[in-house]
């Protein structure tokens, strides 16, 4: 099994009525900018362990499990609203770095949160790294009626138990599931991740640490015009990192493309792009050494 080189400590922080689980590597040091790393959909903070181990320098790293993921509590609700992630991050920074900006890294959904947060609270971000946080395809007002109907239908399906996540008889089953999703994930890393991605219940079954309510479609449309206005307000130097595999083509089948994403990035005042070769969407698992070097070089400029 993979052996972590830099062991984190677990902390629990009260945020907006929830007990938030946060992994912390290193310690605060005067003059050292905290590095906050936020994970994506159906992932956990421990997912960044491989990148943290690959850093050449010592960093003060703060990585939360988002609400309803990992060891963070789920809210008393049956669906999730994207603005809540921004508010949770704001409260988290109040706790860990109330008087100074941070370096912020976000992957996938976390990358989208990081971009929107950095444009909404530009004074709180020193450097921004977006890892495959592409946003969503553009929507049209005419889609609103069916979007709301779909949301209500999925809520009913959730309450009927139809969105429940599959349990596994063993942690090795969880590891196999991770490797099936990501063909590049090695056995040793999958075995390590599985123990952080799932927990054994009283009946001995291993259950994914993700609230199935996360699967419910957001009722609100994705407004690209609003997103671009937020992008224009990002003042931090920004690094947008992509994997060599084109995830957008796989997901959207031409309805939303890398070219459209690159066009959106033109709204960010100070942005550069980078490519991680031989990697898929989970590039922090596939090529942690490449990614760690990219991040550290960017933060040093």
Protein backbone atom coordinates (compact mmCIF):
# COMPACT_ATOMS: atom_id res chain seq x y z
CA UNK A 1 0.00 0.00 0.00
CA UNK A 2 1.06 3.59 -0.63
CA UNK A 3 3.00 5.05 2.30
CA UNK A 4 2.29 8.72 3.00
CA UNK A 5 5.47 10.73 3.51
CA UNK A 6 3.92 13.72 5.25
CA UNK A 7 1.24 12.81 7.74
CA UNK A 8 -1.62 15.31 8.16
CA UNK A 9 -3.56 15.99 11.31
CA UNK A 10 -7.35 16.00 11.42
CA UNK A 11 -9.15 19.02 12.80
CA UNK A 12 -12.86 19.70 13.20
CA UNK A 13 -14.04 23.28 12.75
CA UNK A 14 -17.58 24.61 13.37
CA UNK A 15 -18.75 26.20 10.12
CA UNK A 16 -22.33 27.39 9.59
CA UNK A 17 -23.81 24.84 11.97
CA UNK A 18 -21.76 21.93 10.62
CA UNK A 19 -18.74 20.16 12.07
CA UNK A 20 -16.26 20.52 9.22
CA UNK A 21 -13.40 18.05 8.88
CA UNK A 22 -10.12 19.57 7.76
CA UNK A 23 -6.76 17.94 7.03
CA UNK A 24 -3.76 20.09 7.87
CA UNK A 25 -0.16 19.50 6.82
CA UNK A 26 2.58 21.65 8.39
CA UNK A 27 2.20 24.64 10.66
CA UNK A 28 1.55 28.36 10.25
CA UNK A 29 4.77 30.33 9.93
CA UNK A 30 5.15 34.12 9.85
CA UNK A 31 5.54 35.20 6.24
CA UNK A 32 4.38 31.85 4.83
CA UNK A 33 1.18 32.05 2.78
CA UNK A 34 -1.25 29.25 3.70
CA UNK A 35 -2.09 26.85 0.86
CA UNK A 36 -5.76 25.90 0.82
CA UNK A 37 -6.66 22.91 -1.37
CA UNK A 38 -10.31 22.06 -2.07
CA UNK A 39 -11.47 18.81 -3.65
CA UNK A 40 -14.02 17.98 -6.32
CA UNK A 41 -17.36 16.20 -6.57
CA UNK A 42 -17.45 12.79 -4.85
CA UNK A 43 -13.89 13.19 -3.63
CA UNK A 44 -12.27 13.92 -0.25
CA UNK A 45 -9.49 16.11 1.14
CA UNK A 46 -7.16 13.12 1.56
CA UNK A 47 -7.08 12.93 -2.24
CA UNK A 48 -4.37 15.61 -2.18
CA UNK A 49 -1.96 13.45 -0.14
CA UNK A 50 0.05 12.40 -3.22
CA UNK A 51 0.60 16.01 -4.30
CA UNK A 52 1.52 17.13 -0.79
CA UNK A 53 4.05 14.29 -0.60
CA UNK A 54 5.52 15.41 -3.93
CA UNK A 55 6.06 19.05 -2.88
CA UNK A 56 9.77 19.92 -2.71
CA UNK A 57 9.09 22.62 -0.11
CA UNK A 58 7.26 22.52 3.21
CA UNK A 59 3.87 24.18 2.97
CA UNK A 60 1.16 24.96 5.46
CA UNK A 61 -1.66 23.10 3.71
CA UNK A 62 -5.33 23.27 4.69
CA UNK A 63 -7.71 20.86 2.93
CA UNK A 64 -11.37 20.55 3.99
CA UNK A 65 -13.87 17.84 3.22
CA UNK A 66 -16.76 19.76 1.69
CA UNK A 67 -20.16 19.54 3.39
CA UNK A 68 -21.60 16.07 2.91
CA UNK A 69 -18.25 14.53 1.98
CA UNK A 70 -15.60 12.66 3.92
CA UNK A 71 -15.88 13.23 7.66
CA UNK A 72 -17.68 16.56 7.40
CA UNK A 73 -21.31 16.52 8.49
CA UNK A 74 -24.16 16.66 6.01
CA UNK A 75 -26.65 19.50 6.42
CA UNK A 76 -30.24 18.84 7.43
CA UNK A 77 -31.37 19.14 3.82
CA UNK A 78 -32.07 16.89 0.86
CA UNK A 79 -30.09 18.79 -1.79
CA UNK A 80 -27.07 21.05 -2.14
CA UNK A 81 -26.76 24.62 -3.40
CA UNK A 82 -23.52 25.70 -5.03
CA UNK A 83 -23.25 29.10 -3.26
CA UNK A 84 -23.00 27.22 0.05
CA UNK A 85 -19.52 26.02 -0.93
CA UNK A 86 -18.36 29.61 -1.36
CA UNK A 87 -19.78 30.60 2.02
CA UNK A 88 -18.22 27.55 3.69
CA UNK A 89 -14.84 28.47 2.20
CA UNK A 90 -15.25 32.05 3.43
CA UNK A 91 -15.88 30.86 6.99
CA UNK A 92 -12.97 28.42 6.71
CA UNK A 93 -10.59 31.25 5.78
CA UNK A 94 -11.95 33.32 8.67
CA UNK A 95 -10.81 30.49 10.93
CA UNK A 96 -7.39 29.70 9.45
CA UNK A 97 -6.24 32.97 7.91
CA UNK A 98 -8.47 35.85 9.02
CA UNK A 99 -5.93 38.59 8.44
CA UNK A 100 -4.02 37.53 5.33
CA UNK A 101 -4.77 36.19 1.84
CA UNK A 102 -4.13 32.55 0.96
CA UNK A 103 -3.01 30.54 -2.02
CA UNK A 104 -6.02 28.58 -3.26
CA UNK A 105 -6.02 25.34 -5.27
CA UNK A 106 -9.25 23.70 -6.42
CA UNK A 107 -9.92 20.58 -8.45
CA UNK A 108 -12.98 20.03 -10.68
CA UNK A 109 -16.02 21.20 -8.68
CA UNK A 110 -13.54 22.65 -6.19
CA UNK A 111 -11.86 24.51 -9.05
CA UNK A 112 -15.21 26.06 -9.97
CA UNK A 113 -15.74 27.07 -6.35
CA UNK A 114 -12.23 28.54 -6.22
CA UNK A 115 -12.77 30.62 -9.36
CA UNK A 116 -16.11 32.02 -8.22
CA UNK A 117 -14.85 32.67 -4.71
CA UNK A 118 -11.70 34.42 -5.97
CA UNK A 119 -13.80 36.81 -8.03
CA UNK A 120 -16.24 37.43 -5.18
CA UNK A 121 -13.55 37.90 -2.50
CA UNK A 122 -10.50 38.97 -4.56
CA UNK A 123 -8.75 40.49 -1.55
CA UNK A 124 -8.54 37.08 0.15
CA UNK A 125 -6.60 35.28 -2.60
CA UNK A 126 -2.86 35.65 -3.21
CA UNK A 127 -2.47 33.02 -5.96
CA UNK A 128 -5.14 30.84 -7.58
CA UNK A 129 -4.72 27.41 -9.20
CA UNK A 130 -7.67 25.85 -11.02
CA UNK A 131 -7.30 22.13 -11.77
CA UNK A 132 -9.81 21.15 -14.46
CA UNK A 133 -12.54 23.35 -12.99
CA UNK A 134 -14.19 23.98 -16.34
CA UNK A 135 -17.59 25.14 -15.18
CA UNK A 136 -20.70 23.94 -16.96
CA UNK A 137 -22.13 24.23 -20.44
CA UNK A 138 -24.16 27.35 -21.15
CA UNK A 139 -27.88 27.19 -20.45
CA UNK A 140 -30.86 29.07 -21.90
CA UNK A 141 -33.83 30.59 -20.04
CA UNK A 142 -36.13 28.30 -22.03
CA UNK A 143 -34.62 25.33 -20.16
CA UNK A 144 -35.86 26.57 -16.77
CA UNK A 145 -39.26 24.77 -16.68
CA UNK A 146 -37.82 21.32 -17.41
CA UNK A 147 -34.83 22.00 -15.14
CA UNK A 148 -37.10 22.67 -12.14
CA UNK A 149 -39.23 19.65 -13.01
CA UNK A 150 -36.14 17.43 -13.19
CA UNK A 151 -34.97 18.75 -9.82
CA UNK A 152 -38.28 17.88 -8.18
CA UNK A 153 -38.33 14.44 -9.79
CA UNK A 154 -34.82 13.71 -8.52
CA UNK A 155 -35.76 14.85 -5.02
CA UNK A 156 -38.56 12.27 -5.02
CA UNK A 157 -36.16 9.62 -6.30
CA UNK A 158 -33.75 10.48 -3.49
CA UNK A 159 -36.46 10.08 -0.84
CA UNK A 160 -37.43 6.75 -2.36
CA UNK A 161 -33.83 5.64 -1.88
CA UNK A 162 -33.17 5.35 -5.60
CA UNK A 163 -30.04 7.53 -5.56
CA UNK A 164 -28.28 5.58 -2.81
CA UNK A 165 -24.62 4.86 -3.41
CA UNK A 166 -23.59 1.25 -3.86
CA UNK A 167 -22.03 -0.33 -0.75
CA UNK A 168 -19.03 -2.65 -0.99
CA UNK A 169 -18.31 -5.84 0.93
CA UNK A 170 -14.64 -4.99 1.38
CA UNK A 171 -12.25 -2.07 1.16
CA UNK A 172 -10.61 -3.86 -1.76
CA UNK A 173 -13.94 -3.56 -3.57
CA UNK A 174 -13.79 0.19 -3.08
CA UNK A 175 -10.24 0.21 -4.45
CA UNK A 176 -11.36 -1.72 -7.52
CA UNK A 177 -14.14 0.83 -8.04
CA UNK A 178 -11.59 3.66 -7.95
CA UNK A 179 -9.35 1.88 -10.44
CA UNK A 180 -12.28 1.19 -12.75
CA UNK A 181 -13.09 4.90 -12.84
CA UNK A 182 -9.45 5.93 -13.31
CA UNK A 183 -7.47 3.48 -15.42
CA UNK A 184 -4.17 5.18 -14.48
CA UNK A 185 -4.64 4.76 -10.73
CA UNK A 186 -2.11 2.27 -9.37
CA UNK A 187 -3.09 -0.51 -6.97
CA UNK A 188 -1.09 0.92 -4.05
CA UNK A 189 -2.71 4.35 -4.35
CA UNK A 190 -6.17 2.86 -4.83
CA UNK A 191 -5.78 0.76 -1.68
CA UNK A 192 -4.70 3.84 0.27
CA UNK A 193 -7.44 6.10 -1.11
CA UNK A 194 -10.17 3.54 -0.50
CA UNK A 195 -9.66 3.77 3.25
CA UNK A 196 -10.25 7.53 3.11
CA UNK A 197 -12.97 7.48 0.47
CA UNK A 198 -15.19 5.02 2.35
CA UNK A 199 -15.90 3.78 5.87
CA UNK A 200 -17.12 0.46 7.24
CA UNK A 201 -20.60 0.49 8.78
CA UNK A 202 -21.94 -1.56 11.69
CA UNK A 203 -22.94 -4.36 9.30
CA UNK A 204 -19.41 -4.59 7.91
CA UNK A 205 -20.21 -2.97 4.56
CA UNK A 206 -17.97 -0.24 3.16
CA UNK A 207 -19.90 2.91 2.25
CA UNK A 208 -18.70 5.84 0.18
CA UNK A 209 -18.27 9.02 2.23
CA UNK A 210 -20.47 11.11 0.01
CA UNK A 211 -24.09 12.12 0.58
CA UNK A 212 -26.16 10.71 -2.33
CA UNK A 213 -28.08 14.01 -2.36
CA UNK A 214 -25.05 15.43 -4.18
CA UNK A 215 -26.32 13.56 -7.24
CA UNK A 216 -29.42 15.76 -7.51
CA UNK A 217 -29.34 18.25 -10.39
CA UNK A 218 -29.10 21.88 -9.33
CA UNK A 219 -32.43 23.57 -9.92
CA UNK A 220 -30.79 26.79 -11.07
CA UNK A 221 -29.50 27.31 -14.58
CA UNK A 222 -25.78 27.92 -15.16
CA UNK A 223 -25.50 31.56 -16.21
CA UNK A 224 -22.28 32.05 -18.16
CA UNK A 225 -22.78 35.83 -18.29
CA UNK A 226 -22.76 35.96 -14.47
CA UNK A 227 -19.73 33.67 -14.28
CA UNK A 228 -17.73 35.86 -16.67
CA UNK A 229 -18.47 38.96 -14.60
CA UNK A 230 -17.07 37.15 -11.56
CA UNK A 231 -14.02 36.02 -13.56
CA UNK A 232 -13.33 39.66 -14.47
CA UNK A 233 -13.08 40.47 -10.76
CA UNK A 234 -10.33 37.92 -10.02
CA UNK A 235 -7.26 39.93 -9.10
CA UNK A 236 -4.93 37.07 -8.13
CA UNK A 237 -2.49 35.64 -10.67
CA UNK A 238 -4.24 32.50 -11.89
CA UNK A 239 -2.95 29.19 -13.22
CA UNK A 240 -5.47 27.03 -15.10
CA UNK A 241 -4.21 23.45 -15.33
CA UNK A 242 -5.60 20.83 -17.70
CA UNK A 243 -4.90 17.13 -18.11
CA UNK A 244 -3.62 15.69 -21.37
CA UNK A 245 -6.89 13.78 -21.76
CA UNK A 246 -9.76 16.01 -22.87
CA UNK A 247 -12.33 15.35 -20.14
CA UNK A 248 -14.79 17.86 -21.56
CA UNK A 249 -15.13 15.96 -24.82
CA UNK A 250 -15.87 12.78 -22.90
CA UNK A 251 -18.51 14.41 -20.69
CA UNK A 252 -20.21 16.89 -22.98
CA UNK A 253 -19.91 15.22 -26.41
CA UNK A 254 -19.36 18.56 -28.17
CA UNK A 255 -22.05 20.52 -26.27
CA UNK A 256 -19.30 22.31 -24.31
CA UNK A 257 -15.71 22.28 -25.53
CA UNK A 258 -12.20 23.17 -24.42
CA UNK A 259 -12.25 26.02 -26.93
CA UNK A 260 -15.29 27.50 -25.16
CA UNK A 261 -13.59 27.08 -21.78
CA UNK A 262 -10.45 28.82 -23.05
CA UNK A 263 -12.62 31.66 -24.34
CA UNK A 264 -14.12 32.05 -20.85
CA UNK A 265 -10.64 32.19 -19.33
CA UNK A 266 -9.95 35.30 -21.41
CA UNK A 267 -12.14 37.16 -18.91
CA UNK A 268 -9.65 36.45 -16.09
CA UNK A 269 -7.28 39.46 -15.96
CA UNK A 270 -4.05 37.60 -15.16
CA UNK A 271 -4.21 33.95 -16.22
CA UNK A 272 -1.86 31.41 -17.69
CA UNK A 273 -2.50 27.79 -18.64
CA UNK A 274 -0.54 24.58 -18.19
CA UNK A 275 -0.92 21.00 -19.37
CA UNK A 276 -0.17 17.84 -17.40
CA UNK A 277 0.69 15.07 -19.84
CA UNK A 278 -0.31 11.42 -19.46
CA UNK A 279 -3.11 12.31 -17.07
CA UNK A 280 -6.88 12.23 -16.95
CA UNK A 281 -9.32 14.31 -14.95
CA UNK A 282 -7.90 13.01 -11.66
CA UNK A 283 -4.54 14.49 -12.51
CA UNK A 284 -3.62 14.87 -8.83
CA UNK A 285 -3.68 11.07 -8.66
CA UNK A 286 -2.17 10.38 -12.08
CA UNK A 287 0.79 12.76 -12.06
CA UNK A 288 1.25 14.22 -8.56
CA UNK A 289 4.95 14.97 -9.15
CA UNK A 290 4.25 16.97 -12.33
CA UNK A 291 1.42 18.80 -10.66
CA UNK A 292 3.35 19.57 -7.48
CA UNK A 293 6.17 21.08 -9.53
CA UNK A 294 3.74 23.20 -11.55
CA UNK A 295 2.05 24.52 -8.42
CA UNK A 296 5.29 25.30 -6.59
CA UNK A 297 6.85 27.03 -9.59
CA UNK A 298 3.74 29.13 -10.00
CA UNK A 299 3.57 30.08 -6.33
CA UNK A 300 7.23 31.08 -6.41
CA UNK A 301 6.80 33.57 -9.27
